PDB file of N, CA and C in Angstrom:
ATOM      1  N   MET A   1     143.512  68.008 160.082  1.00  0.00           N
ATOM      2  CA  MET A   1     142.563  67.891 159.002  1.00  0.00           C
ATOM      3  C   MET A   1     141.444  68.931 159.148  1.00  0.00           C
ATOM      4  N   ARG A   2     140.996  69.107 160.382  1.00  0.00           N
ATOM      5  CA  ARG A   2     139.928  70.065 160.633  1.00  0.00           C
ATOM      6  C   ARG A   2     140.384  71.491 160.298  1.00  0.00           C
ATOM      7  N   ARG A   3     141.634  71.797 160.622  1.00  0.00           N
ATOM      8  CA  ARG A   3     142.190  73.121 160.340  1.00  0.00           C
ATOM      9  C   ARG A   3     142.251  73.354 158.825  1.00  0.00           C
ATOM     10  N   LEU A   4     142.643  72.330 158.075  1.00  0.00           N
ATOM     11  CA  LEU A   4     142.711  72.430 156.615  1.00  0.00           C
ATOM     12  C   LEU A   4     141.331  72.736 156.039  1.00  0.00           C
ATOM     13  N   GLY A   5     140.308  72.070 156.565  1.00  0.00           N
ATOM     14  CA  GLY A   5     138.935  72.323 156.115  1.00  0.00           C
ATOM     15  C   GLY A   5     138.518  73.755 156.376  1.00  0.00           C
ATOM     16  N   LEU A   6     138.854  74.269 157.542  1.00  0.00           N
ATOM     17  CA  LEU A   6     138.522  75.643 157.895  1.00  0.00           C
ATOM     18  C   LEU A   6     139.234  76.629 156.977  1.00  0.00           C
ATOM     19  N   VAL A   7     140.495  76.358 156.684  1.00  0.00           N
ATOM     20  CA  VAL A   7     141.269  77.215 155.780  1.00  0.00           C
ATOM     21  C   VAL A   7     140.647  77.205 154.391  1.00  0.00           C
ATOM     22  N   LEU A   8     140.268  76.043 153.897  1.00  0.00           N
ATOM     23  CA  LEU A   8     139.661  75.944 152.570  1.00  0.00           C
ATOM     24  C   LEU A   8     138.329  76.683 152.500  1.00  0.00           C
ATOM     25  N   VAL A   9     137.504  76.537 153.511  1.00  0.00           N
ATOM     26  CA  VAL A   9     136.220  77.241 153.544  1.00  0.00           C
ATOM     27  C   VAL A   9     136.452  78.746 153.555  1.00  0.00           C
ATOM     28  N   THR A  10     137.391  79.207 154.350  1.00  0.00           N
ATOM     29  CA  THR A  10     137.715  80.632 154.410  1.00  0.00           C
ATOM     30  C   THR A  10     138.181  81.141 153.053  1.00  0.00           C
ATOM     31  N   MET A  11     139.024  80.379 152.372  1.00  0.00           N
ATOM     32  CA  MET A  11     139.520  80.784 151.052  1.00  0.00           C
ATOM     33  C   MET A  11     138.387  80.862 150.036  1.00  0.00           C
ATOM     34  N   VAL A  12     137.469  79.916 150.085  1.00  0.00           N
ATOM     35  CA  VAL A  12     136.337  79.923 149.158  1.00  0.00           C
ATOM     36  C   VAL A  12     135.460  81.144 149.404  1.00  0.00           C
ATOM     37  N   VAL A  13     135.156  81.438 150.656  1.00  0.00           N
ATOM     38  CA  VAL A  13     134.320  82.593 150.983  1.00  0.00           C
ATOM     39  C   VAL A  13     135.005  83.884 150.556  1.00  0.00           C
ATOM     40  N   LEU A  14     136.271  84.035 150.871  1.00  0.00           N
ATOM     41  CA  LEU A  14     137.004  85.244 150.479  1.00  0.00           C
ATOM     42  C   LEU A  14     137.113  85.348 148.973  1.00  0.00           C
ATOM     43  N   GLY A  15     137.343  84.245 148.313  1.00  0.00           N
ATOM     44  CA  GLY A  15     137.431  84.243 146.850  1.00  0.00           C
ATOM     45  C   GLY A  15     136.116  84.642 146.210  1.00  0.00           C
ATOM     46  N   ALA A  16     135.010  84.152 146.726  1.00  0.00           N
ATOM     47  CA  ALA A  16     133.695  84.507 146.193  1.00  0.00           C
ATOM     48  C   ALA A  16     133.426  85.992 146.375  1.00  0.00           C
ATOM     49  N   ASN A  17     133.815  86.531 147.521  1.00  0.00           N
ATOM     50  CA  ASN A  17     133.634  87.967 147.747  1.00  0.00           C
ATOM     51  C   ASN A  17     134.500  88.786 146.807  1.00  0.00           C
ATOM     52  N   ALA A  18     135.691  88.340 146.516  1.00  0.00           N
ATOM     53  CA  ALA A  18     136.580  89.069 145.609  1.00  0.00           C
ATOM     54  C   ALA A  18     136.017  89.085 144.198  1.00  0.00           C
ATOM     55  N   ILE A  19     135.418  87.988 143.787  1.00  0.00           N
ATOM     56  CA  ILE A  19     134.828  87.926 142.449  1.00  0.00           C
ATOM     57  C   ILE A  19     133.608  88.835 142.367  1.00  0.00           C
ATOM     58  N   ALA A  20     132.803  88.889 143.398  1.00  0.00           N
ATOM     59  CA  ALA A  20     131.581  89.684 143.388  1.00  0.00           C
ATOM     60  C   ALA A  20     131.844  91.165 143.640  1.00  0.00           C
ATOM     61  N   ALA A  21     132.958  91.515 144.228  1.00  0.00           N
ATOM     62  CA  ALA A  21     133.231  92.897 144.624  1.00  0.00           C
ATOM     63  C   ALA A  21     133.152  93.908 143.489  1.00  0.00           C
ATOM     64  N   PRO A  22     133.717  93.654 142.303  1.00  0.00           N
ATOM     65  CA  PRO A  22     133.639  94.666 141.257  1.00  0.00           C
ATOM     66  C   PRO A  22     132.204  95.028 140.890  1.00  0.00           C
ATOM     67  N   GLN A  23     131.280  94.075 140.950  1.00  0.00           N
ATOM     68  CA  GLN A  23     129.896  94.358 140.619  1.00  0.00           C
ATOM     69  C   GLN A  23     129.261  95.316 141.622  1.00  0.00           C
ATOM     70  N   ALA A  24     129.752  95.340 142.838  1.00  0.00           N
ATOM     71  CA  ALA A  24     129.206  96.230 143.854  1.00  0.00           C
ATOM     72  C   ALA A  24     129.439  97.689 143.494  1.00  0.00           C
ATOM     73  N   ASP A  25     130.452  97.969 142.682  1.00  0.00           N
ATOM     74  CA  ASP A  25     130.771  99.334 142.296  1.00  0.00           C
ATOM     75  C   ASP A  25     129.951  99.830 141.111  1.00  0.00           C
ATOM     76  N   VAL A  26     129.236  98.951 140.441  1.00  0.00           N
ATOM     77  CA  VAL A  26     128.454  99.335 139.272  1.00  0.00           C
ATOM     78  C   VAL A  26     127.269 100.187 139.714  1.00  0.00           C
ATOM     79  N   VAL A  27     127.065 101.308 139.012  1.00  0.00           N
ATOM     80  CA  VAL A  27     125.950 102.204 139.307  1.00  0.00           C
ATOM     81  C   VAL A  27     124.864 101.971 138.262  1.00  0.00           C
ATOM     82  N   GLU A  28     123.651 101.690 138.716  1.00  0.00           N
ATOM     83  CA  GLU A  28     122.530 101.516 137.801  1.00  0.00           C
ATOM     84  C   GLU A  28     121.891 102.874 137.547  1.00  0.00           C
ATOM     85  N   VAL A  29     121.808 103.245 136.266  1.00  0.00           N
ATOM     86  CA  VAL A  29     121.219 104.519 135.872  1.00  0.00           C
ATOM     87  C   VAL A  29     119.803 104.240 135.384  1.00  0.00           C
ATOM     88  N   LYS A  30     118.837 104.934 135.981  1.00  0.00           N
ATOM     89  CA  LYS A  30     117.427 104.702 135.656  1.00  0.00           C
ATOM     90  C   LYS A  30     116.873 105.813 134.775  1.00  0.00           C
ATOM     91  N   SER A  31     115.885 105.449 133.987  1.00  0.00           N
ATOM     92  CA  SER A  31     115.207 106.422 133.136  1.00  0.00           C
ATOM     93  C   SER A  31     114.328 107.325 133.994  1.00  0.00           C
ATOM     94  N   SER A  32     114.354 108.608 133.692  1.00  0.00           N
ATOM     95  CA  SER A  32     113.502 109.557 134.410  1.00  0.00           C
ATOM     96  C   SER A  32     112.200 109.813 133.657  1.00  0.00           C
ATOM     97  N   LEU A  33     112.098 109.256 132.435  1.00  0.00           N
ATOM     98  CA  LEU A  33     110.914 109.452 131.596  1.00  0.00           C
ATOM     99  C   LEU A  33     110.467 108.137 130.979  1.00  0.00           C
ATOM    100  N   ALA A  34     109.199 108.072 130.614  1.00  0.00           N
ATOM    101  CA  ALA A  34     108.688 106.956 129.822  1.00  0.00           C
ATOM    102  C   ALA A  34     108.694 107.387 128.362  1.00  0.00           C
ATOM    103  N   GLY A  35     108.995 106.453 127.474  1.00  0.00           N
ATOM    104  CA  GLY A  35     108.978 106.772 126.052  1.00  0.00           C
ATOM    105  C   GLY A  35     109.671 105.709 125.230  1.00  0.00           C
ATOM    106  N   ILE A  36     109.878 106.030 123.958  1.00  0.00           N
ATOM    107  CA  ILE A  36     110.540 105.127 123.020  1.00  0.00           C
ATOM    108  C   ILE A  36     111.995 105.565 122.873  1.00  0.00           C
ATOM    109  N   VAL A  37     112.922 104.637 123.099  1.00  0.00           N
ATOM    110  CA  VAL A  37     114.357 104.934 123.023  1.00  0.00           C
ATOM    111  C   VAL A  37     114.729 105.310 121.592  1.00  0.00           C
ATOM    112  N   LEU A  38     115.474 106.392 121.463  1.00  0.00           N
ATOM    113  CA  LEU A  38     115.940 106.866 120.158  1.00  0.00           C
ATOM    114  C   LEU A  38     117.384 106.441 119.919  1.00  0.00           C
ATOM    115  N   ALA A  39     117.709 106.167 118.660  1.00  0.00           N
ATOM    116  CA  ALA A  39     119.076 105.788 118.296  1.00  0.00           C
ATOM    117  C   ALA A  39     120.011 106.991 118.387  1.00  0.00           C
ATOM    118  N   ASP A  40     119.458 108.189 118.186  1.00  0.00           N
ATOM    119  CA  ASP A  40     120.267 109.410 118.215  1.00  0.00           C
ATOM    120  C   ASP A  40     120.992 109.539 119.547  1.00  0.00           C
ATOM    121  N   ASP A  41     122.295 109.589 119.484  1.00  0.00           N
ATOM    122  CA  ASP A  41     123.126 109.848 120.666  1.00  0.00           C
ATOM    123  C   ASP A  41     122.984 108.815 121.780  1.00  0.00           C
ATOM    124  N   LEU A  42     122.509 107.605 121.479  1.00  0.00           N
ATOM    125  CA  LEU A  42     122.446 106.548 122.495  1.00  0.00           C
ATOM    126  C   LEU A  42     123.872 106.162 122.854  1.00  0.00           C
ATOM    127  N   VAL A  43     124.199 106.199 124.123  1.00  0.00           N
ATOM    128  CA  VAL A  43     125.552 105.902 124.585  1.00  0.00           C
ATOM    129  C   VAL A  43     125.905 104.447 124.261  1.00  0.00           C
ATOM    130  N   GLU A  44     127.198 104.181 124.085  1.00  0.00           N
ATOM    131  CA  GLU A  44     127.664 102.829 123.773  1.00  0.00           C
ATOM    132  C   GLU A  44     128.531 102.291 124.904  1.00  0.00           C
ATOM    133  N   MET A  45     128.564 100.971 125.009  1.00  0.00           N
ATOM    134  CA  MET A  45     129.368 100.307 126.028  1.00  0.00           C
ATOM    135  C   MET A  45     130.844 100.674 125.849  1.00  0.00           C
ATOM    136  N   GLY A  46     131.532 100.905 126.965  1.00  0.00           N
ATOM    137  CA  GLY A  46     132.956 101.205 126.938  1.00  0.00           C
ATOM    138  C   GLY A  46     133.300 102.675 126.808  1.00  0.00           C
ATOM    139  N   VAL A  47     132.301 103.513 126.583  1.00  0.00           N
ATOM    140  CA  VAL A  47     132.528 104.950 126.408  1.00  0.00           C
ATOM    141  C   VAL A  47     132.703 105.613 127.772  1.00  0.00           C
ATOM    142  N   ARG A  48     133.689 106.496 127.858  1.00  0.00           N
ATOM    143  CA  ARG A  48     133.894 107.277 129.088  1.00  0.00           C
ATOM    144  C   ARG A  48     132.917 108.454 129.060  1.00  0.00           C
ATOM    145  N   VAL A  49     132.223 108.681 130.175  1.00  0.00           N
ATOM    146  CA  VAL A  49     131.230 109.753 130.246  1.00  0.00           C
ATOM    147  C   VAL A  49     131.531 110.682 131.415  1.00  0.00           C
ATOM    148  N   GLU A  50     131.053 111.895 131.290  1.00  0.00           N
ATOM    149  CA  GLU A  50     131.216 112.916 132.328  1.00  0.00           C
ATOM    150  C   GLU A  50     129.951 112.992 133.183  1.00  0.00           C
ATOM    151  N   ASP A  51     130.079 113.575 134.344  1.00  0.00           N
ATOM    152  CA  ASP A  51     128.938 113.801 135.225  1.00  0.00           C
ATOM    153  C   ASP A  51     127.867 114.598 134.483  1.00  0.00           C
ATOM    154  N   ALA A  52     126.627 114.156 134.561  1.00  0.00           N
ATOM    155  CA  ALA A  52     125.451 114.805 133.968  1.00  0.00           C
ATOM    156  C   ALA A  52     125.366 114.676 132.448  1.00  0.00           C
ATOM    157  N   GLN A  53     126.249 113.913 131.831  1.00  0.00           N
ATOM    158  CA  GLN A  53     126.192 113.718 130.380  1.00  0.00           C
ATOM    159  C   GLN A  53     124.959 112.888 130.019  1.00  0.00           C
ATOM    160  N   PRO A  54     124.190 113.305 128.993  1.00  0.00           N
ATOM    161  CA  PRO A  54     123.047 112.500 128.555  1.00  0.00           C
ATOM    162  C   PRO A  54     123.503 111.132 128.047  1.00  0.00           C
ATOM    163  N   LEU A  55     122.780 110.088 128.450  1.00  0.00           N
ATOM    164  CA  LEU A  55     123.107 108.722 128.049  1.00  0.00           C
ATOM    165  C   LEU A  55     122.045 108.123 127.136  1.00  0.00           C
ATOM    166  N   VAL A  56     120.779 108.426 127.429  1.00  0.00           N
ATOM    167  CA  VAL A  56     119.658 107.851 126.682  1.00  0.00           C
ATOM    168  C   VAL A  56     118.631 108.947 126.402  1.00  0.00           C
ATOM    169  N   TYR A  57     118.170 108.982 125.151  1.00  0.00           N
ATOM    170  CA  TYR A  57     117.104 109.894 124.754  1.00  0.00           C
ATOM    171  C   TYR A  57     115.867 109.078 124.405  1.00  0.00           C
ATOM    172  N   VAL A  58     114.696 109.643 124.685  1.00  0.00           N
ATOM    173  CA  VAL A  58     113.440 108.999 124.308  1.00  0.00           C
ATOM    174  C   VAL A  58     112.532 110.016 123.630  1.00  0.00           C
ATOM    175  N   ARG A  59     111.570 109.485 122.883  1.00  0.00           N
ATOM    176  CA  ARG A  59     110.478 110.306 122.367  1.00  0.00           C
ATOM    177  C   ARG A  59     109.289 110.002 123.272  1.00  0.00           C
ATOM    178  N   THR A  60     108.799 111.029 123.941  1.00  0.00           N
ATOM    179  CA  THR A  60     107.708 110.823 124.898  1.00  0.00           C
ATOM    180  C   THR A  60     106.353 110.876 124.199  1.00  0.00           C
ATOM    181  N   ALA A  61     105.401 110.154 124.730  1.00  0.00           N
ATOM    182  CA  ALA A  61     104.050 110.150 124.174  1.00  0.00           C
ATOM    183  C   ALA A  61     103.360 111.489 124.425  1.00  0.00           C
ATOM    184  N   LEU A  62     103.679 112.116 125.535  1.00  0.00           N
ATOM    185  CA  LEU A  62     103.023 113.365 125.923  1.00  0.00           C
ATOM    186  C   LEU A  62     103.346 114.503 124.957  1.00  0.00           C
ATOM    187  N   THR A  63     104.626 114.700 124.659  1.00  0.00           N
ATOM    188  CA  THR A  63     105.023 115.825 123.804  1.00  0.00           C
ATOM    189  C   THR A  63     105.448 115.397 122.409  1.00  0.00           C
ATOM    190  N   GLY A  64     105.876 114.145 122.263  1.00  0.00           N
ATOM    191  CA  GLY A  64     106.384 113.684 120.971  1.00  0.00           C
ATOM    192  C   GLY A  64     107.769 114.222 120.662  1.00  0.00           C
ATOM    193  N   LEU A  65     108.375 114.893 121.626  1.00  0.00           N
ATOM    194  CA  LEU A  65     109.689 115.498 121.421  1.00  0.00           C
ATOM    195  C   LEU A  65     110.803 114.596 121.939  1.00  0.00           C
ATOM    196  N   LYS A  66     112.005 114.808 121.399  1.00  0.00           N
ATOM    197  CA  LYS A  66     113.199 114.114 121.880  1.00  0.00           C
ATOM    198  C   LYS A  66     113.570 114.714 123.235  1.00  0.00           C
ATOM    199  N   SER A  67     113.685 113.849 124.243  1.00  0.00           N
ATOM    200  CA  SER A  67     114.007 114.307 125.593  1.00  0.00           C
ATOM    201  C   SER A  67     115.048 113.397 126.225  1.00  0.00           C
ATOM    202  N   VAL A  68     115.875 113.976 127.086  1.00  0.00           N
ATOM    203  CA  VAL A  68     116.869 113.177 127.814  1.00  0.00           C
ATOM    204  C   VAL A  68     116.136 112.347 128.864  1.00  0.00           C
ATOM    205  N   ALA A  69     116.327 111.028 128.799  1.00  0.00           N
ATOM    206  CA  ALA A  69     115.682 110.130 129.765  1.00  0.00           C
ATOM    207  C   ALA A  69     116.638 109.715 130.874  1.00  0.00           C
ATOM    208  N   ALA A  70     117.943 109.745 130.584  1.00  0.00           N
ATOM    209  CA  ALA A  70     118.922 109.325 131.599  1.00  0.00           C
ATOM    210  C   ALA A  70     120.226 110.083 131.402  1.00  0.00           C
ATOM    211  N   ARG A  71     120.782 110.537 132.522  1.00  0.00           N
ATOM    212  CA  ARG A  71     122.079 111.224 132.530  1.00  0.00           C
ATOM    213  C   ARG A  71     123.029 110.473 133.454  1.00  0.00           C
ATOM    214  N   ALA A  72     124.321 110.595 133.174  1.00  0.00           N
ATOM    215  CA  ALA A  72     125.331 109.976 134.039  1.00  0.00           C
ATOM    216  C   ALA A  72     125.293 110.662 135.405  1.00  0.00           C
ATOM    217  N   PRO A  73     125.151 109.892 136.481  1.00  0.00           N
ATOM    218  CA  PRO A  73     125.126 110.499 137.811  1.00  0.00           C
ATOM    219  C   PRO A  73     126.505 110.932 138.291  1.00  0.00           C
ATOM    220  N   ARG A  74     127.548 110.469 137.591  1.00  0.00           N
ATOM    221  CA  ARG A  74     128.934 110.835 137.900  1.00  0.00           C
ATOM    222  C   ARG A  74     129.809 110.418 136.726  1.00  0.00           C
ATOM    223  N   GLU A  75     131.064 110.802 136.776  1.00  0.00           N
ATOM    224  CA  GLU A  75     132.023 110.424 135.742  1.00  0.00           C
ATOM    225  C   GLU A  75     132.263 108.920 135.811  1.00  0.00           C
ATOM    226  N   GLY A  76     132.451 108.302 134.652  1.00  0.00           N
ATOM    227  CA  GLY A  76     132.721 106.868 134.639  1.00  0.00           C
ATOM    228  C   GLY A  76     132.793 106.301 133.240  1.00  0.00           C
ATOM    229  N   VAL A  77     132.724 104.981 133.165  1.00  0.00           N
ATOM    230  CA  VAL A  77     132.754 104.259 131.896  1.00  0.00           C
ATOM    231  C   VAL A  77     131.487 103.420 131.811  1.00  0.00           C
ATOM    232  N   VAL A  78     130.842 103.451 130.643  1.00  0.00           N
ATOM    233  CA  VAL A  78     129.619 102.680 130.447  1.00  0.00           C
ATOM    234  C   VAL A  78     129.969 101.198 130.448  1.00  0.00           C
ATOM    235  N   HIS A  79     129.402 100.476 131.402  1.00  0.00           N
ATOM    236  CA  HIS A  79     129.649  99.039 131.565  1.00  0.00           C
ATOM    237  C   HIS A  79     128.665  98.222 130.733  1.00  0.00           C
ATOM    238  N   GLU A  80     127.420  98.699 130.652  1.00  0.00           N
ATOM    239  CA  GLU A  80     126.380  97.948 129.949  1.00  0.00           C
ATOM    240  C   GLU A  80     125.247  98.891 129.557  1.00  0.00           C
ATOM    241  N   VAL A  81     124.759  98.742 128.322  1.00  0.00           N
ATOM    242  CA  VAL A  81     123.579  99.475 127.863  1.00  0.00           C
ATOM    243  C   VAL A  81     122.444  98.454 127.791  1.00  0.00           C
ATOM    244  N   LEU A  82     121.386  98.688 128.530  1.00  0.00           N
ATOM    245  CA  LEU A  82     120.315  97.702 128.671  1.00  0.00           C
ATOM    246  C   LEU A  82     119.118  97.955 127.767  1.00  0.00           C
ATOM    247  N   VAL A  83     119.184  98.999 126.938  1.00  0.00           N
ATOM    248  CA  VAL A  83     118.071  99.329 126.043  1.00  0.00           C
ATOM    249  C   VAL A  83     118.565  99.414 124.605  1.00  0.00           C
ATOM    250  N   ARG A  84     117.590  99.320 123.686  1.00  0.00           N
ATOM    251  CA  ARG A  84     117.887  99.415 122.251  1.00  0.00           C
ATOM    252  C   ARG A  84     116.962 100.448 121.622  1.00  0.00           C
ATOM    253  N   PRO A  85     117.381 101.023 120.503  1.00  0.00           N
ATOM    254  CA  PRO A  85     116.489 101.951 119.800  1.00  0.00           C
ATOM    255  C   PRO A  85     115.155 101.273 119.474  1.00  0.00           C
ATOM    256  N   GLY A  86     114.075 102.012 119.682  1.00  0.00           N
ATOM    257  CA  GLY A  86     112.743 101.488 119.413  1.00  0.00           C
ATOM    258  C   GLY A  86     112.092 100.815 120.611  1.00  0.00           C
ATOM    259  N   GLN A  87     112.869 100.548 121.634  1.00  0.00           N
ATOM    260  CA  GLN A  87     112.344  99.888 122.837  1.00  0.00           C
ATOM    261  C   GLN A  87     111.583 100.896 123.693  1.00  0.00           C
ATOM    262  N   ARG A  88     110.475 100.471 124.261  1.00  0.00           N
ATOM    263  CA  ARG A  88     109.730 101.329 125.182  1.00  0.00           C
ATOM    264  C   ARG A  88     110.299 101.162 126.586  1.00  0.00           C
ATOM    265  N   VAL A  89     110.545 102.284 127.248  1.00  0.00           N
ATOM    266  CA  VAL A  89     111.003 102.262 128.638  1.00  0.00           C
ATOM    267  C   VAL A  89     110.006 103.021 129.499  1.00  0.00           C
ATOM    268  N   GLU A  90     109.960 102.629 130.742  1.00  0.00           N
ATOM    269  CA  GLU A  90     109.109 103.304 131.720  1.00  0.00           C
ATOM    270  C   GLU A  90     109.995 104.078 132.687  1.00  0.00           C
ATOM    271  N   ARG A  91     109.419 105.049 133.323  1.00  0.00           N
ATOM    272  CA  ARG A  91     110.146 105.803 134.343  1.00  0.00           C
ATOM    273  C   ARG A  91     110.608 104.829 135.428  1.00  0.00           C
ATOM    274  N   GLY A  92     111.889 104.880 135.780  1.00  0.00           N
ATOM    275  CA  GLY A  92     112.440 104.000 136.807  1.00  0.00           C
ATOM    276  C   GLY A  92     113.115 102.754 136.267  1.00  0.00           C
ATOM    277  N   ASP A  93     112.971 102.470 134.965  1.00  0.00           N
ATOM    278  CA  ASP A  93     113.665 101.318 134.376  1.00  0.00           C
ATOM    279  C   ASP A  93     115.170 101.561 134.370  1.00  0.00           C
ATOM    280  N   VAL A  94     115.948 100.545 134.702  1.00  0.00           N
ATOM    281  CA  VAL A  94     117.407 100.647 134.606  1.00  0.00           C
ATOM    282  C   VAL A  94     117.765 100.568 133.126  1.00  0.00           C
ATOM    283  N   VAL A  95     118.471 101.591 132.620  1.00  0.00           N
ATOM    284  CA  VAL A  95     118.791 101.652 131.195  1.00  0.00           C
ATOM    285  C   VAL A  95     120.286 101.507 130.910  1.00  0.00           C
ATOM    286  N   VAL A  96     121.122 101.854 131.888  1.00  0.00           N
ATOM    287  CA  VAL A  96     122.581 101.803 131.713  1.00  0.00           C
ATOM    288  C   VAL A  96     123.215 101.402 133.039  1.00  0.00           C
ATOM    289  N   ARG A  97     124.315 100.661 132.949  1.00  0.00           N
ATOM    290  CA  ARG A  97     125.144 100.382 134.132  1.00  0.00           C
ATOM    291  C   ARG A  97     126.484 101.058 133.900  1.00  0.00           C
ATOM    292  N   LEU A  98     126.946 101.770 134.911  1.00  0.00           N
ATOM    293  CA  LEU A  98     128.130 102.617 134.814  1.00  0.00           C
ATOM    294  C   LEU A  98     129.160 102.210 135.861  1.00  0.00           C
ATOM    295  N   LEU A  99     130.419 102.153 135.446  1.00  0.00           N
ATOM    296  CA  LEU A  99     131.526 101.935 136.383  1.00  0.00           C
ATOM    297  C   LEU A  99     132.100 103.301 136.724  1.00  0.00           C
ATOM    298  N   PRO A 100     131.912 103.775 137.949  1.00  0.00           N
ATOM    299  CA  PRO A 100     132.406 105.100 138.326  1.00  0.00           C
ATOM    300  C   PRO A 100     133.930 105.175 138.259  1.00  0.00           C
ATOM    301  N   ARG A 101     134.433 106.347 137.977  1.00  0.00           N
ATOM    302  CA  ARG A 101     135.888 106.596 137.950  1.00  0.00           C
ATOM    303  C   ARG A 101     136.224 107.634 138.973  1.00  0.00           C
TER     304      ARG A 101
END
């Protein structure tokens, strides 16, 4: 009986790690600028992106110009977009989650 309990606990722990493992591969992409997110060219979930491809554009208060706020750090697929057009972001905010390929 004790052995069965140990086996069950081991299976639960291994199973929990297997479920959590894919999330460990997700790369959080942060904004390098503060500003208002623009709808123009905002990346969408499920889109395959290349290394250094712009993902999020903002209009900065300093210049008022459209500027790239976040680029893909590597090739991958957009897992989640965490911002919307019109939303204010600060430097360092996570704006996109990427599944590397």
